[in-house]
Protein backbone atom coordinates (compact mmCIF):
# COMPACT_ATOMS: atom_id res chain seq x y z
CA UNK A 1 0.00 0.00 0.00
CA UNK A 2 0.93 3.65 0.26
CA UNK A 3 2.96 5.18 3.04
CA UNK A 4 3.34 8.76 4.23
CA UNK A 5 6.31 10.63 2.70
CA UNK A 6 9.35 10.82 4.94
CA UNK A 7 11.07 14.07 5.93
CA UNK A 8 13.61 13.81 3.09
CA UNK A 9 10.87 13.31 0.52
CA UNK A 10 8.96 16.32 1.87
CA UNK A 11 12.07 18.50 1.56
CA UNK A 12 12.55 17.44 -2.08
CA UNK A 13 8.88 18.19 -2.86
CA UNK A 14 9.17 21.60 -1.15
CA UNK A 15 12.35 22.43 -3.10
CA UNK A 16 10.68 21.57 -6.42
CA UNK A 17 7.67 23.67 -5.45
CA UNK A 18 9.91 26.60 -4.53
CA UNK A 19 11.74 26.37 -7.88
CA UNK A 20 8.48 26.27 -9.85
CA UNK A 21 6.51 28.89 -7.87
CA UNK A 22 9.35 30.91 -6.26
CA UNK A 23 8.57 34.29 -7.82
CA UNK A 24 4.81 33.88 -7.63
CA UNK A 25 4.69 32.32 -4.15
CA UNK A 26 3.69 35.54 -2.29
CA UNK A 27 0.97 36.19 -4.85
CA UNK A 28 -0.34 32.63 -4.51
CA UNK A 29 -0.36 32.99 -0.70
CA UNK A 30 -2.32 36.27 -0.88
CA UNK A 31 -4.92 34.86 -3.25
CA UNK A 32 -5.25 31.74 -1.10
CA UNK A 33 -5.74 33.93 2.00
CA UNK A 34 -8.39 36.03 0.23
CA UNK A 35 -10.18 32.88 -0.86
CA UNK A 36 -10.27 31.58 2.71
CA UNK A 37 -11.63 34.92 4.01
CA UNK A 38 -14.37 34.95 1.36
CA UNK A 39 -15.26 31.36 2.19
CA UNK A 40 -15.61 32.21 5.89
CA UNK A 41 -17.79 35.25 5.06
CA UNK A 42 -20.03 33.03 2.96
CA UNK A 43 -20.37 30.48 5.76
CA UNK A 44 -21.18 33.25 8.26
CA UNK A 45 -23.87 34.61 5.93
CA UNK A 46 -25.42 31.17 5.56
CA UNK A 47 -25.38 30.65 9.35
CA UNK A 48 -27.14 34.00 9.86
CA UNK A 49 -29.78 33.11 7.25
CA UNK A 50 -30.45 29.72 8.85
CA UNK A 51 -30.68 31.25 12.33
CA UNK A 52 -33.05 33.99 11.14
CA UNK A 53 -35.28 31.41 9.44
CA UNK A 54 -35.32 29.25 12.57
CA UNK A 55 -36.25 32.23 14.78
CA UNK A 56 -39.00 33.25 12.35
CA UNK A 57 -40.34 29.70 12.29
CA UNK A 58 -40.37 29.47 16.10
CA UNK A 59 -42.30 32.72 16.41
CA UNK A 60 -45.05 31.37 14.12
CA UNK A 61 -45.90 28.52 16.47
CA UNK A 62 -48.46 28.98 19.21
CA UNK A 63 -48.62 26.84 22.30
CA UNK A 64 -52.05 25.30 22.55
CA UNK A 65 -53.35 23.48 25.60
CA UNK A 66 -55.90 20.72 25.58
CA UNK A 67 -59.25 21.39 27.23
CA UNK A 68 -59.62 19.75 30.65
CA UNK A 69 -61.27 16.35 30.54
CA UNK A 70 -63.62 14.90 33.08
CA UNK A 71 -61.78 12.70 35.54
CA UNK A 72 -62.77 9.07 35.56
CA UNK A 73 -63.01 7.12 38.75
CA UNK A 74 -59.66 5.58 39.61
CA UNK A 75 -61.30 2.43 41.01
CA UNK A 76 -62.89 1.61 37.67
CA UNK A 77 -60.29 0.97 34.97
CA UNK A 78 -61.20 1.76 31.37
CA UNK A 79 -59.96 -1.62 30.16
CA UNK A 80 -61.47 -5.06 30.64
CA UNK A 81 -58.20 -7.00 30.71
CA UNK A 82 -55.11 -6.51 32.83
CA UNK A 83 -52.48 -5.06 30.47
CA UNK A 84 -49.66 -6.93 32.24
CA UNK A 85 -51.14 -10.40 32.66
CA UNK A 86 -53.87 -10.41 30.01
CA UNK A 87 -56.39 -11.84 32.49
CA UNK A 88 -59.92 -10.44 32.55
CA UNK A 89 -60.66 -7.84 35.21
CA UNK A 90 -63.95 -8.11 37.06
CA UNK A 91 -66.06 -5.10 36.29
CA UNK A 92 -67.74 -3.73 39.43
CA UNK A 93 -71.48 -3.68 39.27
CA UNK A 94 -73.50 -0.61 40.23
CA UNK A 95 -74.44 -2.17 43.59
CA UNK A 96 -70.80 -2.92 44.35
CA UNK A 97 -69.70 0.62 43.33
CA UNK A 98 -72.46 2.20 45.45
CA UNK A 99 -71.40 0.14 48.47
CA UNK A 100 -67.78 1.36 48.11
CA UNK A 101 -68.75 5.04 48.04
CA UNK A 102 -70.89 4.85 51.24
PDB file of N, CA and C in Angstrom:
ATOM      1  N   UNK A   1       0.835  -1.186   0.000  1.00  0.00           N
ATOM      2  CA  UNK A   1       0.000   0.000   0.000  1.00  0.00           C
ATOM      3  C   UNK A   1       0.877   1.246   0.000  1.00  0.00           C
ATOM      4  N   UNK A   2       0.227   2.367   0.255  1.00  0.00           N
ATOM      5  CA  UNK A   2       0.933   3.650   0.262  1.00  0.00           C
ATOM      6  C   UNK A   2       1.406   3.970   1.668  1.00  0.00           C
ATOM      7  N   UNK A   3       2.471   4.738   1.743  1.00  0.00           N
ATOM      8  CA  UNK A   3       2.958   5.180   3.043  1.00  0.00           C
ATOM      9  C   UNK A   3       3.143   6.696   3.006  1.00  0.00           C
ATOM     10  N   UNK A   4       3.161   7.320   4.150  1.00  0.00           N
ATOM     11  CA  UNK A   4       3.343   8.764   4.234  1.00  0.00           C
ATOM     12  C   UNK A   4       4.775   9.115   3.816  1.00  0.00           C
ATOM     13  N   UNK A   5       4.948  10.247   3.106  1.00  0.00           N
ATOM     14  CA  UNK A   5       6.306  10.632   2.696  1.00  0.00           C
ATOM     15  C   UNK A   5       7.166  10.959   3.915  1.00  0.00           C
ATOM     16  N   UNK A   6       8.434  10.553   3.827  1.00  0.00           N
ATOM     17  CA  UNK A   6       9.352  10.822   4.937  1.00  0.00           C
ATOM     18  C   UNK A   6       9.818  12.273   4.876  1.00  0.00           C
ATOM     19  N   UNK A   7      10.612  12.688   5.851  1.00  0.00           N
ATOM     20  CA  UNK A   7      11.067  14.070   5.929  1.00  0.00           C
ATOM     21  C   UNK A   7      11.922  14.438   4.714  1.00  0.00           C
ATOM     22  N   UNK A   8      12.773  13.532   4.259  1.00  0.00           N
ATOM     23  CA  UNK A   8      13.610  13.809   3.085  1.00  0.00           C
ATOM     24  C   UNK A   8      12.776  14.012   1.830  1.00  0.00           C
ATOM     25  N   UNK A   9      11.747  13.178   1.674  1.00  0.00           N
ATOM     26  CA  UNK A   9      10.865  13.314   0.515  1.00  0.00           C
ATOM     27  C   UNK A   9      10.106  14.626   0.554  1.00  0.00           C
ATOM     28  N   UNK A  10       9.666  15.035   1.738  1.00  0.00           N
ATOM     29  CA  UNK A  10       8.961  16.315   1.871  1.00  0.00           C
ATOM     30  C   UNK A  10       9.864  17.481   1.512  1.00  0.00           C
ATOM     31  N   UNK A  11      11.136  17.422   1.891  1.00  0.00           N
ATOM     32  CA  UNK A  11      12.075  18.499   1.561  1.00  0.00           C
ATOM     33  C   UNK A  11      12.279  18.573   0.050  1.00  0.00           C
ATOM     34  N   UNK A  12      12.388  17.449  -0.620  1.00  0.00           N
ATOM     35  CA  UNK A  12      12.553  17.435  -2.080  1.00  0.00           C
ATOM     36  C   UNK A  12      11.314  18.028  -2.752  1.00  0.00           C
ATOM     37  N   UNK A  13      10.122  17.654  -2.294  1.00  0.00           N
ATOM     38  CA  UNK A  13       8.880  18.190  -2.864  1.00  0.00           C
ATOM     39  C   UNK A  13       8.809  19.699  -2.638  1.00  0.00           C
ATOM     40  N   UNK A  14       9.191  20.174  -1.445  1.00  0.00           N
ATOM     41  CA  UNK A  14       9.169  21.605  -1.154  1.00  0.00           C
ATOM     42  C   UNK A  14      10.178  22.356  -2.024  1.00  0.00           C
ATOM     43  N   UNK A  15      11.339  21.775  -2.262  1.00  0.00           N
ATOM     44  CA  UNK A  15      12.352  22.426  -3.101  1.00  0.00           C
ATOM     45  C   UNK A  15      11.864  22.546  -4.537  1.00  0.00           C
ATOM     46  N   UNK A  16      11.224  21.508  -5.056  1.00  0.00           N
ATOM     47  CA  UNK A  16      10.684  21.566  -6.420  1.00  0.00           C
ATOM     48  C   UNK A  16       9.577  22.613  -6.504  1.00  0.00           C
ATOM     49  N   UNK A  17       8.730  22.663  -5.481  1.00  0.00           N
ATOM     50  CA  UNK A  17       7.667  23.669  -5.447  1.00  0.00           C
ATOM     51  C   UNK A  17       8.222  25.082  -5.399  1.00  0.00           C
ATOM     52  N   UNK A  18       9.291  25.280  -4.635  1.00  0.00           N
ATOM     53  CA  UNK A  18       9.914  26.599  -4.535  1.00  0.00           C
ATOM     54  C   UNK A  18      10.540  27.009  -5.861  1.00  0.00           C
ATOM     55  N   UNK A  19      11.154  26.067  -6.574  1.00  0.00           N
ATOM     56  CA  UNK A  19      11.739  26.372  -7.881  1.00  0.00           C
ATOM     57  C   UNK A  19      10.660  26.734  -8.900  1.00  0.00           C
ATOM     58  N   UNK A  20       9.543  26.018  -8.873  1.00  0.00           N
ATOM     59  CA  UNK A  20       8.481  26.273  -9.846  1.00  0.00           C
ATOM     60  C   UNK A  20       7.696  27.550  -9.537  1.00  0.00           C
ATOM     61  N   UNK A  21       7.372  27.782  -8.252  1.00  0.00           N
ATOM     62  CA  UNK A  21       6.508  28.894  -7.871  1.00  0.00           C
ATOM     63  C   UNK A  21       7.240  29.972  -7.082  1.00  0.00           C
ATOM     64  N   UNK A  22       8.562  29.999  -7.091  1.00  0.00           N
ATOM     65  CA  UNK A  22       9.346  30.908  -6.259  1.00  0.00           C
ATOM     66  C   UNK A  22       8.963  32.362  -6.388  1.00  0.00           C
ATOM     67  N   UNK A  23       8.867  32.876  -7.615  1.00  0.00           N
ATOM     68  CA  UNK A  23       8.573  34.294  -7.816  1.00  0.00           C
ATOM     69  C   UNK A  23       7.104  34.603  -7.559  1.00  0.00           C
ATOM     70  N   UNK A  24       6.253  33.645  -7.800  1.00  0.00           N
ATOM     71  CA  UNK A  24       4.812  33.884  -7.632  1.00  0.00           C
ATOM     72  C   UNK A  24       4.283  33.414  -6.283  1.00  0.00           C
ATOM     73  N   UNK A  25       5.136  32.885  -5.422  1.00  0.00           N
ATOM     74  CA  UNK A  25       4.686  32.316  -4.146  1.00  0.00           C
ATOM     75  C   UNK A  25       3.965  33.336  -3.265  1.00  0.00           C
ATOM     76  N   UNK A  26       4.448  34.577  -3.093  1.00  0.00           N
ATOM     77  CA  UNK A  26       3.693  35.539  -2.292  1.00  0.00           C
ATOM     78  C   UNK A  26       2.312  35.854  -2.877  1.00  0.00           C
ATOM     79  N   UNK A  27       2.249  35.914  -4.188  1.00  0.00           N
ATOM     80  CA  UNK A  27       0.966  36.189  -4.848  1.00  0.00           C
ATOM     81  C   UNK A  27      -0.006  35.024  -4.636  1.00  0.00           C
ATOM     82  N   UNK A  28       0.489  33.815  -4.733  1.00  0.00           N
ATOM     83  CA  UNK A  28      -0.343  32.635  -4.513  1.00  0.00           C
ATOM     84  C   UNK A  28      -0.842  32.607  -3.068  1.00  0.00           C
ATOM     85  N   UNK A  29       0.031  32.949  -2.112  1.00  0.00           N
ATOM     86  CA  UNK A  29      -0.363  32.993  -0.702  1.00  0.00           C
ATOM     87  C   UNK A  29      -1.449  34.024  -0.441  1.00  0.00           C
ATOM     88  N   UNK A  30      -1.314  35.211  -1.062  1.00  0.00           N
ATOM     89  CA  UNK A  30      -2.323  36.266  -0.879  1.00  0.00           C
ATOM     90  C   UNK A  30      -3.670  35.831  -1.442  1.00  0.00           C
ATOM     91  N   UNK A  31      -3.648  35.267  -2.642  1.00  0.00           N
ATOM     92  CA  UNK A  31      -4.919  34.857  -3.251  1.00  0.00           C
ATOM     93  C   UNK A  31      -5.558  33.702  -2.458  1.00  0.00           C
ATOM     94  N   UNK A  32      -4.720  32.817  -1.936  1.00  0.00           N
ATOM     95  CA  UNK A  32      -5.247  31.737  -1.103  1.00  0.00           C
ATOM     96  C   UNK A  32      -5.871  32.303   0.175  1.00  0.00           C
ATOM     97  N   UNK A  33      -5.212  33.289   0.790  1.00  0.00           N
ATOM     98  CA  UNK A  33      -5.745  33.928   1.997  1.00  0.00           C
ATOM     99  C   UNK A  33      -7.064  34.632   1.723  1.00  0.00           C
ATOM    100  N   UNK A  34      -7.142  35.352   0.596  1.00  0.00           N
ATOM    101  CA  UNK A  34      -8.390  36.032   0.229  1.00  0.00           C
ATOM    102  C   UNK A  34      -9.517  35.024  -0.005  1.00  0.00           C
ATOM    103  N   UNK A  35      -9.171  33.911  -0.619  1.00  0.00           N
ATOM    104  CA  UNK A  35     -10.179  32.878  -0.855  1.00  0.00           C
ATOM    105  C   UNK A  35     -10.721  32.309   0.441  1.00  0.00           C
ATOM    106  N   UNK A  36      -9.837  32.099   1.409  1.00  0.00           N
ATOM    107  CA  UNK A  36     -10.268  31.577   2.710  1.00  0.00           C
ATOM    108  C   UNK A  36     -11.168  32.585   3.422  1.00  0.00           C
ATOM    109  N   UNK A  37     -10.815  33.877   3.366  1.00  0.00           N
ATOM    110  CA  UNK A  37     -11.631  34.920   4.006  1.00  0.00           C
ATOM    111  C   UNK A  37     -13.014  34.976   3.371  1.00  0.00           C
ATOM    112  N   UNK A  38     -13.074  34.927   2.042  1.00  0.00           N
ATOM    113  CA  UNK A  38     -14.370  34.955   1.359  1.00  0.00           C
ATOM    114  C   UNK A  38     -15.210  33.728   1.704  1.00  0.00           C
ATOM    115  N   UNK A  39     -14.559  32.589   1.821  1.00  0.00           N
ATOM    116  CA  UNK A  39     -15.264  31.364   2.190  1.00  0.00           C
ATOM    117  C   UNK A  39     -15.862  31.492   3.578  1.00  0.00           C
ATOM    118  N   UNK A  40     -15.099  32.037   4.525  1.00  0.00           N
ATOM    119  CA  UNK A  40     -15.614  32.213   5.887  1.00  0.00           C
ATOM    120  C   UNK A  40     -16.766  33.200   5.921  1.00  0.00           C
ATOM    121  N   UNK A  41     -16.686  34.278   5.124  1.00  0.00           N
ATOM    122  CA  UNK A  41     -17.788  35.245   5.056  1.00  0.00           C
ATOM    123  C   UNK A  41     -19.052  34.581   4.520  1.00  0.00           C
ATOM    124  N   UNK A  42     -18.883  33.744   3.521  1.00  0.00           N
ATOM    125  CA  UNK A  42     -20.030  33.029   2.959  1.00  0.00           C
ATOM    126  C   UNK A  42     -20.669  32.097   3.974  1.00  0.00           C
ATOM    127  N   UNK A  43     -19.841  31.383   4.727  1.00  0.00           N
ATOM    128  CA  UNK A  43     -20.374  30.484   5.761  1.00  0.00           C
ATOM    129  C   UNK A  43     -21.105  31.270   6.843  1.00  0.00           C
ATOM    130  N   UNK A  44     -20.539  32.431   7.224  1.00  0.00           N
ATOM    131  CA  UNK A  44     -21.178  33.251   8.257  1.00  0.00           C
ATOM    132  C   UNK A  44     -22.529  33.752   7.764  1.00  0.00           C
ATOM    133  N   UNK A  45     -22.605  34.155   6.505  1.00  0.00           N
ATOM    134  CA  UNK A  45     -23.874  34.607   5.931  1.00  0.00           C
ATOM    135  C   UNK A  45     -24.913  33.514   5.915  1.00  0.00           C
ATOM    136  N   UNK A  46     -24.481  32.300   5.579  1.00  0.00           N
ATOM    137  CA  UNK A  46     -25.416  31.166   5.559  1.00  0.00           C
ATOM    138  C   UNK A  46     -25.896  30.864   6.973  1.00  0.00           C
ATOM    139  N   UNK A  47     -24.988  30.900   7.950  1.00  0.00           N
ATOM    140  CA  UNK A  47     -25.378  30.653   9.346  1.00  0.00           C
ATOM    141  C   UNK A  47     -26.403  31.677   9.813  1.00  0.00           C
ATOM    142  N   UNK A  48     -26.198  32.947   9.455  1.00  0.00           N
ATOM    143  CA  UNK A  48     -27.137  33.997   9.855  1.00  0.00           C
ATOM    144  C   UNK A  48     -28.499  33.779   9.203  1.00  0.00           C
ATOM    145  N   UNK A  49     -28.510  33.369   7.930  1.00  0.00           N
ATOM    146  CA  UNK A  49     -29.778  33.108   7.249  1.00  0.00           C
ATOM    147  C   UNK A  49     -30.536  31.951   7.890  1.00  0.00           C
ATOM    148  N   UNK A  50     -29.813  30.888   8.226  1.00  0.00           N
ATOM    149  CA  UNK A  50     -30.452  29.721   8.852  1.00  0.00           C
ATOM    150  C   UNK A  50     -30.996  30.093  10.226  1.00  0.00           C
ATOM    151  N   UNK A  51     -30.231  30.855  10.994  1.00  0.00           N
ATOM    152  CA  UNK A  51     -30.677  31.254  12.330  1.00  0.00           C
ATOM    153  C   UNK A  51     -31.896  32.166  12.251  1.00  0.00           C
ATOM    154  N   UNK A  52     -31.905  33.100  11.290  1.00  0.00           N
ATOM    155  CA  UNK A  52     -33.052  33.991  11.137  1.00  0.00           C
ATOM    156  C   UNK A  52     -34.298  33.208  10.740  1.00  0.00           C
ATOM    157  N   UNK A  53     -34.129  32.231   9.853  1.00  0.00           N
ATOM    158  CA  UNK A  53     -35.275  31.414   9.438  1.00  0.00           C
ATOM    159  C   UNK A  53     -35.798  30.573  10.599  1.00  0.00           C
ATOM    160  N   UNK A  54     -34.891  30.056  11.423  1.00  0.00           N
ATOM    161  CA  UNK A  54     -35.316  29.254  12.573  1.00  0.00           C
ATOM    162  C   UNK A  54     -36.058  30.114  13.586  1.00  0.00           C
ATOM    163  N   UNK A  55     -35.565  31.332  13.835  1.00  0.00           N
ATOM    164  CA  UNK A  55     -36.250  32.229  14.777  1.00  0.00           C
ATOM    165  C   UNK A  55     -37.612  32.632  14.248  1.00  0.00           C
ATOM    166  N   UNK A  56     -37.718  32.878  12.948  1.00  0.00           N
ATOM    167  CA  UNK A  56     -38.996  33.246  12.355  1.00  0.00           C
ATOM    168  C   UNK A  56     -39.979  32.086  12.462  1.00  0.00           C
ATOM    169  N   UNK A  57     -39.484  30.878  12.229  1.00  0.00           N
ATOM    170  CA  UNK A  57     -40.341  29.700  12.291  1.00  0.00           C
ATOM    171  C   UNK A  57     -40.828  29.451  13.714  1.00  0.00           C
ATOM    172  N   UNK A  58     -39.972  29.672  14.715  1.00  0.00           N
ATOM    173  CA  UNK A  58     -40.368  29.466  16.097  1.00  0.00           C
ATOM    174  C   UNK A  58     -41.416  30.484  16.526  1.00  0.00           C
ATOM    175  N   UNK A  59     -41.348  31.701  16.009  1.00  0.00           N
ATOM    176  CA  UNK A  59     -42.300  32.724  16.410  1.00  0.00           C
ATOM    177  C   UNK A  59     -43.678  32.475  15.809  1.00  0.00           C
ATOM    178  N   UNK A  60     -43.762  31.668  14.753  1.00  0.00           N
ATOM    179  CA  UNK A  60     -45.048  31.373  14.121  1.00  0.00           C
ATOM    180  C   UNK A  60     -45.854  30.327  14.884  1.00  0.00           C
ATOM    181  N   UNK A  61     -45.204  29.574  15.738  1.00  0.00           N
ATOM    182  CA  UNK A  61     -45.901  28.523  16.473  1.00  0.00           C
ATOM    183  C   UNK A  61     -46.551  29.078  17.729  1.00  0.00           C
ATOM    184  N   UNK A  62     -47.767  28.612  17.989  1.00  0.00           N
ATOM    185  CA  UNK A  62     -48.458  28.983  19.214  1.00  0.00           C
ATOM    186  C   UNK A  62     -48.562  27.738  20.093  1.00  0.00           C
ATOM    187  N   UNK A  63     -48.482  27.950  21.371  1.00  0.00           N
ATOM    188  CA  UNK A  63     -48.625  26.841  22.298  1.00  0.00           C
ATOM    189  C   UNK A  63     -50.107  26.702  22.615  1.00  0.00           C
ATOM    190  N   UNK A  64     -50.636  25.545  22.304  1.00  0.00           N
ATOM    191  CA  UNK A  64     -52.055  25.297  22.554  1.00  0.00           C
ATOM    192  C   UNK A  64     -52.168  24.249  23.638  1.00  0.00           C
ATOM    193  N   UNK A  65     -53.127  24.452  24.529  1.00  0.00           N
ATOM    194  CA  UNK A  65     -53.354  23.482  25.597  1.00  0.00           C
ATOM    195  C   UNK A  65     -54.653  22.736  25.307  1.00  0.00           C
ATOM    196  N   UNK A  66     -54.706  21.528  25.753  1.00  0.00           N
ATOM    197  CA  UNK A  66     -55.901  20.721  25.576  1.00  0.00           C
ATOM    198  C   UNK A  66     -56.946  21.136  26.606  1.00  0.00           C
ATOM    199  N   UNK A  67     -58.210  21.058  26.247  1.00  0.00           N
ATOM    200  CA  UNK A  67     -59.246  21.385  27.232  1.00  0.00           C
ATOM    201  C   UNK A  67     -59.250  20.329  28.336  1.00  0.00           C
ATOM    202  N   UNK A  68     -59.607  20.726  29.544  1.00  0.00           N
ATOM    203  CA  UNK A  68     -59.618  19.754  30.647  1.00  0.00           C
ATOM    204  C   UNK A  68     -60.688  18.692  30.398  1.00  0.00           C
ATOM    205  N   UNK A  69     -60.343  17.463  30.715  1.00  0.00           N
ATOM    206  CA  UNK A  69     -61.274  16.353  30.540  1.00  0.00           C
ATOM    207  C   UNK A  69     -61.835  15.950  31.893  1.00  0.00           C
ATOM    208  N   UNK A  70     -63.015  15.376  31.840  1.00  0.00           N
ATOM    209  CA  UNK A  70     -63.620  14.898  33.078  1.00  0.00           C
ATOM    210  C   UNK A  70     -62.790  13.746  33.618  1.00  0.00           C
ATOM    211  N   UNK A  71     -62.567  13.759  34.927  1.00  0.00           N
ATOM    212  CA  UNK A  71     -61.780  12.702  35.541  1.00  0.00           C
ATOM    213  C   UNK A  71     -62.631  11.455  35.721  1.00  0.00           C
ATOM    214  N   UNK A  72     -62.072  10.332  35.364  1.00  0.00           N
ATOM    215  CA  UNK A  72     -62.774   9.069  35.559  1.00  0.00           C
ATOM    216  C   UNK A  72     -62.420   8.531  36.932  1.00  0.00           C
ATOM    217  N   UNK A  73     -63.280   7.688  37.445  1.00  0.00           N
ATOM    218  CA  UNK A  73     -63.013   7.115  38.754  1.00  0.00           C
ATOM    219  C   UNK A  73     -61.790   6.213  38.662  1.00  0.00           C
ATOM    220  N   UNK A  74     -60.894   6.360  39.622  1.00  0.00           N
ATOM    221  CA  UNK A  74     -59.665   5.583  39.613  1.00  0.00           C
ATOM    222  C   UNK A  74     -59.930   4.112  39.905  1.00  0.00           C
ATOM    223  N   UNK A  75     -61.012   3.805  40.643  1.00  0.00           N
ATOM    224  CA  UNK A  75     -61.302   2.426  41.010  1.00  0.00           C
ATOM    225  C   UNK A  75     -61.804   1.627  39.813  1.00  0.00           C
ATOM    226  N   UNK A  76     -62.324   2.307  38.813  1.00  0.00           N
ATOM    227  CA  UNK A  76     -62.890   1.612  37.666  1.00  0.00           C
ATOM    228  C   UNK A  76     -61.973   1.829  36.464  1.00  0.00           C
ATOM    229  N   UNK A  77     -61.183   0.819  36.111  1.00  0.00           N
ATOM    230  CA  UNK A  77     -60.286   0.972  34.970  1.00  0.00           C
ATOM    231  C   UNK A  77     -61.075   1.001  33.666  1.00  0.00           C
ATOM    232  N   UNK A  78     -60.512   1.649  32.649  1.00  0.00           N
ATOM    233  CA  UNK A  78     -61.203   1.761  31.370  1.00  0.00           C
ATOM    234  C   UNK A  78     -60.997   0.533  30.495  1.00  0.00           C
ATOM    235  N   UNK A  79     -60.215  -0.432  30.944  1.00  0.00           N
ATOM    236  CA  UNK A  79     -59.962  -1.625  30.157  1.00  0.00           C
ATOM    237  C   UNK A  79     -60.546  -2.836  30.873  1.00  0.00           C
ATOM    238  N   UNK A  80     -60.828  -3.869  30.094  1.00  0.00           N
ATOM    239  CA  UNK A  80     -61.467  -5.061  30.641  1.00  0.00           C
ATOM    240  C   UNK A  80     -60.465  -6.157  30.950  1.00  0.00           C
ATOM    241  N   UNK A  81     -59.243  -6.008  30.469  1.00  0.00           N
ATOM    242  CA  UNK A  81     -58.204  -6.998  30.706  1.00  0.00           C
ATOM    243  C   UNK A  81     -56.995  -6.323  31.324  1.00  0.00           C
ATOM    244  N   UNK A  82     -56.329  -7.031  32.206  1.00  0.00           N
ATOM    245  CA  UNK A  82     -55.114  -6.512  32.833  1.00  0.00           C
ATOM    246  C   UNK A  82     -54.038  -6.403  31.755  1.00  0.00           C
ATOM    247  N   UNK A  83     -53.454  -5.219  31.553  1.00  0.00           N
ATOM    248  CA  UNK A  83     -52.481  -5.062  30.470  1.00  0.00           C
ATOM    249  C   UNK A  83     -51.186  -5.842  30.703  1.00  0.00           C
ATOM    250  N   UNK A  84     -50.903  -6.216  31.938  1.00  0.00           N
ATOM    251  CA  UNK A  84     -49.663  -6.932  32.238  1.00  0.00           C
ATOM    252  C   UNK A  84     -49.827  -8.442  32.140  1.00  0.00           C
ATOM    253  N   UNK A  85     -50.954  -8.950  32.650  1.00  0.00           N
ATOM    254  CA  UNK A  85     -51.139 -10.403  32.664  1.00  0.00           C
ATOM    255  C   UNK A  85     -52.057 -10.887  31.554  1.00  0.00           C
ATOM    256  N   UNK A  86     -52.922 -10.021  31.048  1.00  0.00           N
ATOM    257  CA  UNK A  86     -53.870 -10.410  30.012  1.00  0.00           C
ATOM    258  C   UNK A  86     -55.103 -11.097  30.547  1.00  0.00           C
ATOM    259  N   UNK A  87     -55.230 -11.187  31.880  1.00  0.00           N
ATOM    260  CA  UNK A  87     -56.386 -11.840  32.486  1.00  0.00           C
ATOM    261  C   UNK A  87     -57.537 -10.850  32.565  1.00  0.00           C
ATOM    262  N   UNK A  88     -58.761 -11.343  32.469  1.00  0.00           N
ATOM    263  CA  UNK A  88     -59.918 -10.442  32.550  1.00  0.00           C
ATOM    264  C   UNK A  88     -60.027  -9.814  33.944  1.00  0.00           C
ATOM    265  N   UNK A  89     -60.445  -8.553  33.961  1.00  0.00           N
ATOM    266  CA  UNK A  89     -60.662  -7.835  35.212  1.00  0.00           C
ATOM    267  C   UNK A  89     -62.158  -7.828  35.475  1.00  0.00           C
ATOM    268  N   UNK A  90     -62.529  -8.129  36.719  1.00  0.00           N
ATOM    269  CA  UNK A  90     -63.946  -8.114  37.064  1.00  0.00           C
ATOM    270  C   UNK A  90     -64.430  -6.676  37.077  1.00  0.00           C
ATOM    271  N   UNK A  91     -65.493  -6.445  36.333  1.00  0.00           N
ATOM    272  CA  UNK A  91     -66.065  -5.104  36.293  1.00  0.00           C
ATOM    273  C   UNK A  91     -67.014  -4.962  37.484  1.00  0.00           C
ATOM    274  N   UNK A  92     -66.827  -3.898  38.287  1.00  0.00           N
ATOM    275  CA  UNK A  92     -67.737  -3.734  39.435  1.00  0.00           C
ATOM    276  C   UNK A  92     -69.143  -3.389  38.960  1.00  0.00           C
ATOM    277  N   UNK A  93     -70.086  -3.959  39.598  1.00  0.00           N
ATOM    278  CA  UNK A  93     -71.481  -3.679  39.267  1.00  0.00           C
ATOM    279  C   UNK A  93     -71.880  -2.387  39.965  1.00  0.00           C
ATOM    280  N   UNK A  94     -73.051  -1.863  39.637  1.00  0.00           N
ATOM    281  CA  UNK A  94     -73.500  -0.612  40.234  1.00  0.00           C
ATOM    282  C   UNK A  94     -73.724  -0.778  41.729  1.00  0.00           C
ATOM    283  N   UNK A  95     -74.219  -1.937  42.162  1.00  0.00           N
ATOM    284  CA  UNK A  95     -74.440  -2.171  43.588  1.00  0.00           C
ATOM    285  C   UNK A  95     -73.102  -2.183  44.326  1.00  0.00           C
ATOM    286  N   UNK A  96     -72.116  -2.831  43.734  1.00  0.00           N
ATOM    287  CA  UNK A  96     -70.797  -2.924  44.348  1.00  0.00           C
ATOM    288  C   UNK A  96     -70.143  -1.519  44.428  1.00  0.00           C
ATOM    289  N   UNK A  97     -70.284  -0.713  43.344  1.00  0.00           N
ATOM    290  CA  UNK A  97     -69.697   0.622  43.332  1.00  0.00           C
ATOM    291  C   UNK A  97     -70.394   1.537  44.340  1.00  0.00           C
ATOM    292  N   UNK A  98     -71.719   1.386  44.500  1.00  0.00           N
ATOM    293  CA  UNK A  98     -72.461   2.196  45.451  1.00  0.00           C
ATOM    294  C   UNK A  98     -72.058   1.839  46.869  1.00  0.00           C
ATOM    295  N   UNK A  99     -71.809   0.574  47.149  1.00  0.00           N
ATOM    296  CA  UNK A  99     -71.404   0.139  48.469  1.00  0.00           C
ATOM    297  C   UNK A  99     -70.034   0.681  48.835  1.00  0.00           C
ATOM    298  N   UNK A 100     -69.133   0.825  47.836  1.00  0.00           N
ATOM    299  CA  UNK A 100     -67.778   1.356  48.107  1.00  0.00           C
ATOM    300  C   UNK A 100     -67.812   2.856  48.421  1.00  0.00           C
ATOM    301  N   UNK A 101     -68.707   3.590  47.818  1.00  0.00           N
ATOM    302  CA  UNK A 101     -68.754   5.039  48.039  1.00  0.00           C
ATOM    303  C   UNK A 101     -69.372   5.409  49.378  1.00  0.00           C
ATOM    304  N   UNK A 102     -70.227   4.524  49.953  1.00  0.00           N
ATOM    305  CA  UNK A 102     -70.886   4.848  51.237  1.00  0.00           C
ATOM    306  C   UNK A 102     -70.107   4.360  52.383  1.00  0.00           C
TER     307      UNK A 102
END
